[in-house]
């Protein structure tokens, strides 16, 4: 992998504007969504969950670059700027109150950056930071589960969790009925509300994806799509890991951030969207391309 250039870091800074807009909504209330006992921001996205899907990929990248880029010359200034970007992205991601981001994508992404960063750099301070983050996260979870949005997370008789399980059941049946080719790209909405929605889940008819990475690949593209998607993810992880292990002092922090972002993509994608939005697919392709740069 060749040395990182300033232009390579645009993936993290490009989402900072969205996070600033989201934090502005949090302060002013303009465009903010007040629901289930929390204030949710969405910036220019259609929903807070869409914003969270981008931010929990950006946070690990910004954190890795801010924490582990070499302290020399212009990189010192860059690290200071990326530290500010990291804080901004993190606060905005928390303010989305996305369950997938706060319970899956964000914790996994941050933990990987700190654990692997400590291993690669030979420093101990990332482990202390991780310990503090775990304690802060546990305290935050205690507060989150006092809100109506998170209090019924494990209630599968009513509410969001009930509807999500019914959605997965319907998507599974759709996949079994169309195993080889699926129902086609962007056809999930029409097939779901016309034939597959369960009677108990009738109140949510306008769902355009099954909120699960594997079911999304299968219902859109069939089994061939599942294999192609898993292969693309495996190549991305392998390339990022190789670049992390072998990269120069300037390159491995970038690879680490991309690797942790990919992990967040998969974990968050277990209960939400993952790849099939223009910005999400763009971020994935950029990550794949950067990880495959030659030494």
C-alpha atoms as a PDB file:
ATOM      1  CA  UNK A   1       0.000   0.000   0.000  1.00  0.00           C
ATOM      2  CA  UNK A   2       1.349   3.418  -0.935  1.00  0.00           C
ATOM      3  CA  UNK A   3       1.509   6.221   1.637  1.00  0.00           C
ATOM      4  CA  UNK A   4      -1.792   7.847   2.512  1.00  0.00           C
ATOM      5  CA  UNK A   5      -2.463  11.208   0.924  1.00  0.00           C
ATOM      6  CA  UNK A   6      -4.740  13.916   2.197  1.00  0.00           C
ATOM      7  CA  UNK A   7      -7.294  13.080  -0.484  1.00  0.00           C
ATOM      8  CA  UNK A   8      -7.563   9.519   0.882  1.00  0.00           C
ATOM      9  CA  UNK A   9      -9.081  10.860   4.095  1.00  0.00           C
ATOM     10  CA  UNK A  10     -12.076  12.497   2.401  1.00  0.00           C
ATOM     11  CA  UNK A  11     -14.334   9.562   3.292  1.00  0.00           C
ATOM     12  CA  UNK A  12     -14.311  10.603   6.944  1.00  0.00           C
ATOM     13  CA  UNK A  13     -14.539  14.347   6.369  1.00  0.00           C
ATOM     14  CA  UNK A  14     -17.286  14.056   3.723  1.00  0.00           C
ATOM     15  CA  UNK A  15     -19.822  12.891   6.314  1.00  0.00           C
ATOM     16  CA  UNK A  16     -18.826  15.523   8.865  1.00  0.00           C
ATOM     17  CA  UNK A  17     -21.105  18.094   7.246  1.00  0.00           C
ATOM     18  CA  UNK A  18     -24.076  15.771   7.769  1.00  0.00           C
ATOM     19  CA  UNK A  19     -23.126  15.315  11.404  1.00  0.00           C
ATOM     20  CA  UNK A  20     -22.895  19.076  11.914  1.00  0.00           C
ATOM     21  CA  UNK A  21     -26.335  19.531  10.386  1.00  0.00           C
ATOM     22  CA  UNK A  22     -27.661  16.802  12.677  1.00  0.00           C
ATOM     23  CA  UNK A  23     -26.174  18.419  15.758  1.00  0.00           C
ATOM     24  CA  UNK A  24     -27.702  21.712  14.642  1.00  0.00           C
ATOM     25  CA  UNK A  25     -31.089  19.998  14.536  1.00  0.00           C
ATOM     26  CA  UNK A  26     -30.498  18.648  18.026  1.00  0.00           C
ATOM     27  CA  UNK A  27     -29.894  22.160  19.376  1.00  0.00           C
ATOM     28  CA  UNK A  28     -32.531  24.088  17.434  1.00  0.00           C
ATOM     29  CA  UNK A  29     -35.215  21.412  17.142  1.00  0.00           C
ATOM     30  CA  UNK A  30     -35.645  22.249  13.446  1.00  0.00           C
ATOM     31  CA  UNK A  31     -36.035  18.982  11.540  1.00  0.00           C
ATOM     32  CA  UNK A  32     -35.532  16.952  14.702  1.00  0.00           C
ATOM     33  CA  UNK A  33     -37.757  13.927  15.313  1.00  0.00           C
ATOM     34  CA  UNK A  34     -39.085  13.753  18.875  1.00  0.00           C
ATOM     35  CA  UNK A  35     -40.402  10.241  19.379  1.00  0.00           C
ATOM     36  CA  UNK A  36     -40.411   7.430  21.969  1.00  0.00           C
ATOM     37  CA  UNK A  37     -38.880   9.621  24.644  1.00  0.00           C
ATOM     38  CA  UNK A  38     -35.776  10.675  22.669  1.00  0.00           C
ATOM     39  CA  UNK A  39     -34.696  13.445  20.291  1.00  0.00           C
ATOM     40  CA  UNK A  40     -33.543  11.931  17.006  1.00  0.00           C
ATOM     41  CA  UNK A  41     -31.584  13.808  14.324  1.00  0.00           C
ATOM     42  CA  UNK A  42     -31.474  12.922  10.632  1.00  0.00           C
ATOM     43  CA  UNK A  43     -29.590  15.807   8.939  1.00  0.00           C
ATOM     44  CA  UNK A  44     -30.587  15.717   5.248  1.00  0.00           C
ATOM     45  CA  UNK A  45     -31.506  12.036   5.257  1.00  0.00           C
ATOM     46  CA  UNK A  46     -34.993  10.601   5.158  1.00  0.00           C
ATOM     47  CA  UNK A  47     -34.689   9.061   8.609  1.00  0.00           C
ATOM     48  CA  UNK A  48     -32.291   8.999  11.574  1.00  0.00           C
ATOM     49  CA  UNK A  49     -31.487   5.386  10.786  1.00  0.00           C
ATOM     50  CA  UNK A  50     -30.187   6.363   7.338  1.00  0.00           C
ATOM     51  CA  UNK A  51     -27.863   8.906   8.916  1.00  0.00           C
ATOM     52  CA  UNK A  52     -26.678   6.376  11.499  1.00  0.00           C
ATOM     53  CA  UNK A  53     -25.796   3.858   8.779  1.00  0.00           C
ATOM     54  CA  UNK A  54     -23.292   6.344   7.387  1.00  0.00           C
ATOM     55  CA  UNK A  55     -21.969   7.651  10.696  1.00  0.00           C
ATOM     56  CA  UNK A  56     -21.154   4.313  12.303  1.00  0.00           C
ATOM     57  CA  UNK A  57     -18.855   3.680   9.329  1.00  0.00           C
ATOM     58  CA  UNK A  58     -17.299   7.117   9.509  1.00  0.00           C
ATOM     59  CA  UNK A  59     -16.577   7.092  13.257  1.00  0.00           C
ATOM     60  CA  UNK A  60     -14.103   4.141  13.191  1.00  0.00           C
ATOM     61  CA  UNK A  61     -12.279   5.603  10.187  1.00  0.00           C
ATOM     62  CA  UNK A  62     -11.903   9.045  11.729  1.00  0.00           C
ATOM     63  CA  UNK A  63     -10.926   7.525  15.087  1.00  0.00           C
ATOM     64  CA  UNK A  64      -8.242   5.280  13.584  1.00  0.00           C
ATOM     65  CA  UNK A  65      -6.690   8.137  11.648  1.00  0.00           C
ATOM     66  CA  UNK A  66      -6.875  10.546  14.578  1.00  0.00           C
ATOM     67  CA  UNK A  67      -5.397   8.059  17.037  1.00  0.00           C
ATOM     68  CA  UNK A  68      -2.650   6.376  15.050  1.00  0.00           C
ATOM     69  CA  UNK A  69      -1.359   8.574  12.226  1.00  0.00           C
ATOM     70  CA  UNK A  70       2.312   9.477  12.866  1.00  0.00           C
ATOM     71  CA  UNK A  71       2.923  12.690  14.784  1.00  0.00           C
ATOM     72  CA  UNK A  72       5.122  14.497  12.305  1.00  0.00           C
ATOM     73  CA  UNK A  73       4.785  17.685  10.282  1.00  0.00           C
ATOM     74  CA  UNK A  74       1.442  18.163   8.575  1.00  0.00           C
ATOM     75  CA  UNK A  75       0.136  14.892  10.013  1.00  0.00           C
ATOM     76  CA  UNK A  76       0.055  16.456  13.484  1.00  0.00           C
ATOM     77  CA  UNK A  77      -2.368  19.076  12.205  1.00  0.00           C
ATOM     78  CA  UNK A  78      -4.377  16.419  10.386  1.00  0.00           C
ATOM     79  CA  UNK A  79      -4.687  14.278  13.506  1.00  0.00           C
ATOM     80  CA  UNK A  80      -5.973  17.250  15.499  1.00  0.00           C
ATOM     81  CA  UNK A  81      -8.576  17.957  12.827  1.00  0.00           C
ATOM     82  CA  UNK A  82      -9.584  14.310  12.639  1.00  0.00           C
ATOM     83  CA  UNK A  83      -9.978  14.184  16.421  1.00  0.00           C
ATOM     84  CA  UNK A  84     -12.530  16.976  16.116  1.00  0.00           C
ATOM     85  CA  UNK A  85     -14.220  15.141  13.235  1.00  0.00           C
ATOM     86  CA  UNK A  86     -14.352  11.973  15.335  1.00  0.00           C
ATOM     87  CA  UNK A  87     -16.086  13.733  18.219  1.00  0.00           C
ATOM     88  CA  UNK A  88     -18.572  15.388  15.855  1.00  0.00           C
ATOM     89  CA  UNK A  89     -19.427  12.137  14.097  1.00  0.00           C
ATOM     90  CA  UNK A  90     -19.740  10.276  17.387  1.00  0.00           C
ATOM     91  CA  UNK A  91     -22.083  12.814  18.965  1.00  0.00           C
ATOM     92  CA  UNK A  92     -24.269  12.936  15.855  1.00  0.00           C
ATOM     93  CA  UNK A  93     -24.393   9.143  15.662  1.00  0.00           C
ATOM     94  CA  UNK A  94     -25.501   8.919  19.293  1.00  0.00           C
ATOM     95  CA  UNK A  95     -28.129  11.596  18.600  1.00  0.00           C
ATOM     96  CA  UNK A  96     -29.716   9.402  15.911  1.00  0.00           C
ATOM     97  CA  UNK A  97     -30.697   6.952  18.670  1.00  0.00           C
ATOM     98  CA  UNK A  98     -30.438   4.168  16.106  1.00  0.00           C
ATOM     99  CA  UNK A  99     -30.614   0.780  17.780  1.00  0.00           C
ATOM    100  CA  UNK A 100     -28.423  -0.827  15.154  1.00  0.00           C
ATOM    101  CA  UNK A 101     -25.756   1.855  15.493  1.00  0.00           C
ATOM    102  CA  UNK A 102     -25.727   2.206  19.275  1.00  0.00           C
ATOM    103  CA  UNK A 103     -25.997  -1.489  20.133  1.00  0.00           C
ATOM    104  CA  UNK A 104     -24.074  -3.089  17.251  1.00  0.00           C
ATOM    105  CA  UNK A 105     -22.227  -1.022  14.665  1.00  0.00           C
ATOM    106  CA  UNK A 106     -20.697   1.721  16.788  1.00  0.00           C
ATOM    107  CA  UNK A 107     -19.464  -0.416  19.737  1.00  0.00           C
ATOM    108  CA  UNK A 108     -17.906  -3.015  17.440  1.00  0.00           C
ATOM    109  CA  UNK A 109     -16.250  -0.409  15.218  1.00  0.00           C
ATOM    110  CA  UNK A 110     -14.738   1.543  18.110  1.00  0.00           C
ATOM    111  CA  UNK A 111     -13.621  -1.601  19.964  1.00  0.00           C
ATOM    112  CA  UNK A 112     -11.841  -2.974  16.888  1.00  0.00           C
ATOM    113  CA  UNK A 113     -10.002   0.292  16.290  1.00  0.00           C
ATOM    114  CA  UNK A 114      -8.731   0.470  19.863  1.00  0.00           C
ATOM    115  CA  UNK A 115      -7.914  -3.227  20.273  1.00  0.00           C
ATOM    116  CA  UNK A 116      -6.183  -3.712  16.932  1.00  0.00           C
ATOM    117  CA  UNK A 117      -4.602  -0.277  17.099  1.00  0.00           C
ATOM    118  CA  UNK A 118      -3.030  -1.155  20.443  1.00  0.00           C
ATOM    119  CA  UNK A 119      -1.718  -4.404  18.986  1.00  0.00           C
ATOM    120  CA  UNK A 120      -0.250  -2.830  15.838  1.00  0.00           C
ATOM    121  CA  UNK A 121       1.227   0.232  17.529  1.00  0.00           C
ATOM    122  CA  UNK A 122       2.478  -1.530  20.656  1.00  0.00           C
ATOM    123  CA  UNK A 123       0.886   1.144  22.849  1.00  0.00           C
ATOM    124  CA  UNK A 124      -1.186   0.537  25.939  1.00  0.00           C
ATOM    125  CA  UNK A 125      -3.211   3.747  26.087  1.00  0.00           C
ATOM    126  CA  UNK A 126      -5.853   2.528  23.547  1.00  0.00           C
ATOM    127  CA  UNK A 127      -6.731  -0.269  25.973  1.00  0.00           C
ATOM    128  CA  UNK A 128      -7.268   2.235  28.776  1.00  0.00           C
ATOM    129  CA  UNK A 129      -9.441   4.301  26.438  1.00  0.00           C
ATOM    130  CA  UNK A 130     -11.383   1.169  25.532  1.00  0.00           C
ATOM    131  CA  UNK A 131     -11.954   0.391  29.210  1.00  0.00           C
ATOM    132  CA  UNK A 132     -13.275   3.893  29.768  1.00  0.00           C
ATOM    133  CA  UNK A 133     -15.458   3.604  26.670  1.00  0.00           C
ATOM    134  CA  UNK A 134     -16.937   0.331  27.947  1.00  0.00           C
ATOM    135  CA  UNK A 135     -17.823   1.910  31.289  1.00  0.00           C
ATOM    136  CA  UNK A 136     -19.316   4.959  29.581  1.00  0.00           C
ATOM    137  CA  UNK A 137     -21.213   2.708  27.197  1.00  0.00           C
ATOM    138  CA  UNK A 138     -22.685   0.644  30.012  1.00  0.00           C
ATOM    139  CA  UNK A 139     -23.795   3.791  31.817  1.00  0.00           C
ATOM    140  CA  UNK A 140     -25.295   5.061  28.580  1.00  0.00           C
ATOM    141  CA  UNK A 141     -27.164   1.803  28.039  1.00  0.00           C
ATOM    142  CA  UNK A 142     -28.702   2.062  31.488  1.00  0.00           C
ATOM    143  CA  UNK A 143     -30.053   5.473  30.529  1.00  0.00           C
ATOM    144  CA  UNK A 144     -31.153   4.315  27.067  1.00  0.00           C
ATOM    145  CA  UNK A 145     -33.184   1.422  28.423  1.00  0.00           C
ATOM    146  CA  UNK A 146     -35.125   3.850  30.578  1.00  0.00           C
ATOM    147  CA  UNK A 147     -36.583   5.427  27.425  1.00  0.00           C
ATOM    148  CA  UNK A 148     -39.648   3.965  25.671  1.00  0.00           C
ATOM    149  CA  UNK A 149     -37.619   3.505  22.481  1.00  0.00           C
ATOM    150  CA  UNK A 150     -35.240   0.989  24.049  1.00  0.00           C
ATOM    151  CA  UNK A 151     -37.290  -0.296  26.981  1.00  0.00           C
ATOM    152  CA  UNK A 152     -39.276  -2.734  24.815  1.00  0.00           C
ATOM    153  CA  UNK A 153     -36.315  -3.922  22.746  1.00  0.00           C
ATOM    154  CA  UNK A 154     -36.819  -7.530  23.822  1.00  0.00           C
ATOM    155  CA  UNK A 155     -40.598  -7.398  23.700  1.00  0.00           C
ATOM    156  CA  UNK A 156     -41.491  -9.623  20.751  1.00  0.00           C
ATOM    157  CA  UNK A 157     -45.240  -9.475  21.349  1.00  0.00           C
ATOM    158  CA  UNK A 158     -45.776  -5.850  20.280  1.00  0.00           C
ATOM    159  CA  UNK A 159     -43.847  -2.870  18.976  1.00  0.00           C
ATOM    160  CA  UNK A 160     -40.808  -2.560  16.728  1.00  0.00           C
ATOM    161  CA  UNK A 161     -39.177  -5.878  17.654  1.00  0.00           C
ATOM    162  CA  UNK A 162     -42.426  -7.740  16.975  1.00  0.00           C
ATOM    163  CA  UNK A 163     -42.770  -6.128  13.545  1.00  0.00           C
ATOM    164  CA  UNK A 164     -39.109  -6.759  12.692  1.00  0.00           C
ATOM    165  CA  UNK A 165     -39.412 -10.482  13.385  1.00  0.00           C
ATOM    166  CA  UNK A 166     -42.559 -10.673  11.259  1.00  0.00           C
ATOM    167  CA  UNK A 167     -40.742  -8.840   8.467  1.00  0.00           C
ATOM    168  CA  UNK A 168     -37.904 -11.381   8.563  1.00  0.00           C
ATOM    169  CA  UNK A 169     -40.413 -14.233   8.428  1.00  0.00           C
ATOM    170  CA  UNK A 170     -42.069 -12.719   5.372  1.00  0.00           C
ATOM    171  CA  UNK A 171     -38.718 -12.038   3.683  1.00  0.00           C
ATOM    172  CA  UNK A 172     -37.591 -15.605   4.356  1.00  0.00           C
ATOM    173  CA  UNK A 173     -40.719 -16.932   2.668  1.00  0.00           C
ATOM    174  CA  UNK A 174     -40.135 -14.553  -0.248  1.00  0.00           C
ATOM    175  CA  UNK A 175     -36.599 -15.852  -0.632  1.00  0.00           C
ATOM    176  CA  UNK A 176     -37.775 -19.477  -0.549  1.00  0.00           C
ATOM    177  CA  UNK A 177     -40.353 -18.739  -3.232  1.00  0.00           C
ATOM    178  CA  UNK A 178     -37.747 -17.044  -5.469  1.00  0.00           C
ATOM    179  CA  UNK A 179     -34.491 -18.753  -4.525  1.00  0.00           C
ATOM    180  CA  UNK A 180     -32.437 -18.424  -7.701  1.00  0.00           C
ATOM    181  CA  UNK A 181     -33.101 -14.898  -8.949  1.00  0.00           C
ATOM    182  CA  UNK A 182     -34.975 -13.227  -6.113  1.00  0.00           C
ATOM    183  CA  UNK A 183     -37.728 -10.741  -6.908  1.00  0.00           C
ATOM    184  CA  UNK A 184     -35.326  -8.289  -8.530  1.00  0.00           C
ATOM    185  CA  UNK A 185     -33.565  -5.101  -7.424  1.00  0.00           C
ATOM    186  CA  UNK A 186     -35.905  -2.640  -5.685  1.00  0.00           C
ATOM    187  CA  UNK A 187     -38.885  -4.964  -6.068  1.00  0.00           C
ATOM    188  CA  UNK A 188     -39.038  -6.020  -2.423  1.00  0.00           C
ATOM    189  CA  UNK A 189     -41.550  -3.289  -1.543  1.00  0.00           C
ATOM    190  CA  UNK A 190     -44.057  -4.380  -4.164  1.00  0.00           C
ATOM    191  CA  UNK A 191     -43.724  -8.104  -3.510  1.00  0.00           C
ATOM    192  CA  UNK A 192     -43.876  -7.612   0.253  1.00  0.00           C
ATOM    193  CA  UNK A 193     -46.980  -5.459   0.503  1.00  0.00           C
ATOM    194  CA  UNK A 194     -48.803  -7.370  -2.258  1.00  0.00           C
ATOM    195  CA  UNK A 195     -48.179 -10.971  -1.260  1.00  0.00           C
ATOM    196  CA  UNK A 196     -45.913 -11.541   1.732  1.00  0.00           C
ATOM    197  CA  UNK A 197     -46.775  -9.167   4.560  1.00  0.00           C
ATOM    198  CA  UNK A 198     -48.155 -11.125   7.498  1.00  0.00           C
ATOM    199  CA  UNK A 199     -51.589 -10.094   8.799  1.00  0.00           C
ATOM    200  CA  UNK A 200     -50.119  -9.189  12.187  1.00  0.00           C
ATOM    201  CA  UNK A 201     -47.707  -6.729  10.514  1.00  0.00           C
ATOM    202  CA  UNK A 202     -50.178  -4.972   8.219  1.00  0.00           C
ATOM    203  CA  UNK A 203     -49.468  -1.551   9.793  1.00  0.00           C
ATOM    204  CA  UNK A 204     -46.018  -1.405   8.147  1.00  0.00           C
ATOM    205  CA  UNK A 205     -46.655  -2.056   4.468  1.00  0.00           C
ATOM    206  CA  UNK A 206     -44.180   0.370   2.891  1.00  0.00           C
ATOM    207  CA  UNK A 207     -40.917  -1.391   3.685  1.00  0.00           C
ATOM    208  CA  UNK A 208     -38.457  -1.407   0.799  1.00  0.00           C
ATOM    209  CA  UNK A 209     -35.937  -3.892   2.232  1.00  0.00           C
ATOM    210  CA  UNK A 210     -35.971  -6.765   4.746  1.00  0.00           C
ATOM    211  CA  UNK A 211     -33.661  -5.119   7.310  1.00  0.00           C
ATOM    212  CA  UNK A 212     -31.126  -7.934   7.113  1.00  0.00           C
ATOM    213  CA  UNK A 213     -28.028  -8.189   4.951  1.00  0.00           C
ATOM    214  CA  UNK A 214     -28.419 -11.813   3.849  1.00  0.00           C
ATOM    215  CA  UNK A 215     -32.154 -11.559   3.233  1.00  0.00           C
ATOM    216  CA  UNK A 216     -31.594  -8.332   1.327  1.00  0.00           C
ATOM    217  CA  UNK A 217     -29.065  -9.982  -0.989  1.00  0.00           C
ATOM    218  CA  UNK A 218     -31.252 -13.063  -1.424  1.00  0.00           C
ATOM    219  CA  UNK A 219     -34.569 -11.355  -2.113  1.00  0.00           C
ATOM    220  CA  UNK A 220     -33.018  -8.812  -4.483  1.00  0.00           C
ATOM    221  CA  UNK A 221     -30.559 -10.984  -6.389  1.00  0.00           C
ATOM    222  CA  UNK A 222     -31.183 -14.608  -5.504  1.00  0.00           C
ATOM    223  CA  UNK A 223     -28.614 -17.125  -4.307  1.00  0.00           C
ATOM    224  CA  UNK A 224     -26.106 -15.880  -6.872  1.00  0.00           C
ATOM    225  CA  UNK A 225     -26.397 -12.464  -5.292  1.00  0.00           C
ATOM    226  CA  UNK A 226     -25.847 -13.922  -1.833  1.00  0.00           C
ATOM    227  CA  UNK A 227     -22.656 -15.621  -2.988  1.00  0.00           C
ATOM    228  CA  UNK A 228     -21.462 -12.510  -4.822  1.00  0.00           C
ATOM    229  CA  UNK A 229     -22.216 -10.267  -1.854  1.00  0.00           C
ATOM    230  CA  UNK A 230     -20.492 -12.536   0.647  1.00  0.00           C
ATOM    231  CA  UNK A 231     -17.508 -12.863  -1.667  1.00  0.00           C
ATOM    232  CA  UNK A 232     -17.233  -9.066  -2.007  1.00  0.00           C
ATOM    233  CA  UNK A 233     -17.368  -8.666   1.764  1.00  0.00           C
ATOM    234  CA  UNK A 234     -14.793 -11.427   2.270  1.00  0.00           C
ATOM    235  CA  UNK A 235     -12.445  -9.768  -0.244  1.00  0.00           C
ATOM    236  CA  UNK A 236     -12.901  -6.425   1.492  1.00  0.00           C
ATOM    237  CA  UNK A 237     -12.128  -7.867   4.942  1.00  0.00           C
ATOM    238  CA  UNK A 238      -9.149  -9.843   3.660  1.00  0.00           C
ATOM    239  CA  UNK A 239      -7.702  -6.872   1.821  1.00  0.00           C
ATOM    240  CA  UNK A 240      -8.221  -4.541   4.782  1.00  0.00           C
ATOM    241  CA  UNK A 241      -6.605  -7.031   7.158  1.00  0.00           C
ATOM    242  CA  UNK A 242      -3.619  -7.535   4.853  1.00  0.00           C
ATOM    243  CA  UNK A 243      -3.163  -3.792   4.489  1.00  0.00           C
ATOM    244  CA  UNK A 244      -3.473  -3.360   8.243  1.00  0.00           C
ATOM    245  CA  UNK A 245      -0.813  -6.003   8.916  1.00  0.00           C
ATOM    246  CA  UNK A 246       1.636  -4.952   6.179  1.00  0.00           C
ATOM    247  CA  UNK A 247       0.930  -1.270   5.611  1.00  0.00           C
ATOM    248  CA  UNK A 248       3.326   1.546   6.335  1.00  0.00           C
ATOM    249  CA  UNK A 249       3.008   3.823   9.353  1.00  0.00           C
ATOM    250  CA  UNK A 250       0.804   6.096   7.271  1.00  0.00           C
ATOM    251  CA  UNK A 251      -1.231   3.342   5.628  1.00  0.00           C
ATOM    252  CA  UNK A 252      -2.201   0.935   8.393  1.00  0.00           C
ATOM    253  CA  UNK A 253      -4.358   3.436  10.345  1.00  0.00           C
ATOM    254  CA  UNK A 254      -6.426   3.955   7.194  1.00  0.00           C
ATOM    255  CA  UNK A 255      -6.755   0.179   6.713  1.00  0.00           C
ATOM    256  CA  UNK A 256      -7.722  -0.214  10.373  1.00  0.00           C
ATOM    257  CA  UNK A 257     -10.480   2.381  10.092  1.00  0.00           C
ATOM    258  CA  UNK A 258     -11.816   0.752   6.937  1.00  0.00           C
ATOM    259  CA  UNK A 259     -11.683  -2.704   8.516  1.00  0.00           C
ATOM    260  CA  UNK A 260     -13.625  -1.528  11.577  1.00  0.00           C
ATOM    261  CA  UNK A 261     -16.103   0.288   9.343  1.00  0.00           C
ATOM    262  CA  UNK A 262     -16.699  -2.927   7.395  1.00  0.00           C
ATOM    263  CA  UNK A 263     -17.375  -4.754  10.651  1.00  0.00           C
ATOM    264  CA  UNK A 264     -19.889  -2.061  11.599  1.00  0.00           C
ATOM    265  CA  UNK A 265     -21.491  -2.444   8.162  1.00  0.00           C
ATOM    266  CA  UNK A 266     -22.069  -6.164   8.666  1.00  0.00           C
ATOM    267  CA  UNK A 267     -23.204  -5.968  12.299  1.00  0.00           C
ATOM    268  CA  UNK A 268     -25.575  -3.040  11.737  1.00  0.00           C
ATOM    269  CA  UNK A 269     -26.724  -4.748   8.542  1.00  0.00           C
ATOM    270  CA  UNK A 270     -28.089  -7.667  10.532  1.00  0.00           C
ATOM    271  CA  UNK A 271     -31.073  -5.537  11.570  1.00  0.00           C
ATOM    272  CA  UNK A 272     -31.147  -2.717   9.002  1.00  0.00           C
ATOM    273  CA  UNK A 273     -29.932  -1.734   5.549  1.00  0.00           C
ATOM    274  CA  UNK A 274     -26.323  -2.375   4.642  1.00  0.00           C
ATOM    275  CA  UNK A 275     -25.322  -1.867   1.012  1.00  0.00           C
ATOM    276  CA  UNK A 276     -28.275  -1.080  -1.210  1.00  0.00           C
ATOM    277  CA  UNK A 277     -28.393   2.685  -0.950  1.00  0.00           C
ATOM    278  CA  UNK A 278     -26.266   4.934  -3.193  1.00  0.00           C
ATOM    279  CA  UNK A 279     -24.201   6.425  -0.368  1.00  0.00           C
ATOM    280  CA  UNK A 280     -23.744   3.113   1.449  1.00  0.00           C
ATOM    281  CA  UNK A 281     -22.678   1.299  -1.704  1.00  0.00           C
ATOM    282  CA  UNK A 282     -20.385   4.203  -2.579  1.00  0.00           C
ATOM    283  CA  UNK A 283     -18.678   4.012   0.807  1.00  0.00           C
ATOM    284  CA  UNK A 284     -18.277   0.246   0.457  1.00  0.00           C
ATOM    285  CA  UNK A 285     -16.733   0.503  -3.009  1.00  0.00           C
ATOM    286  CA  UNK A 286     -14.374   3.269  -1.854  1.00  0.00           C
ATOM    287  CA  UNK A 287     -13.298   1.122   1.100  1.00  0.00           C
ATOM    288  CA  UNK A 288     -12.766  -1.876  -1.168  1.00  0.00           C
ATOM    289  CA  UNK A 289     -10.701   0.174  -3.590  1.00  0.00           C
ATOM    290  CA  UNK A 290      -8.516   1.721  -0.884  1.00  0.00           C
ATOM    291  CA  UNK A 291      -7.860  -1.640   0.748  1.00  0.00           C
ATOM    292  CA  UNK A 292      -6.745  -3.122  -2.575  1.00  0.00           C
ATOM    293  CA  UNK A 293      -4.103  -0.522  -3.293  1.00  0.00           C
ATOM    294  CA  UNK A 294      -0.763  -2.075  -4.078  1.00  0.00           C
ATOM    295  CA  UNK A 295       2.284  -1.610  -1.827  1.00  0.00           C
END
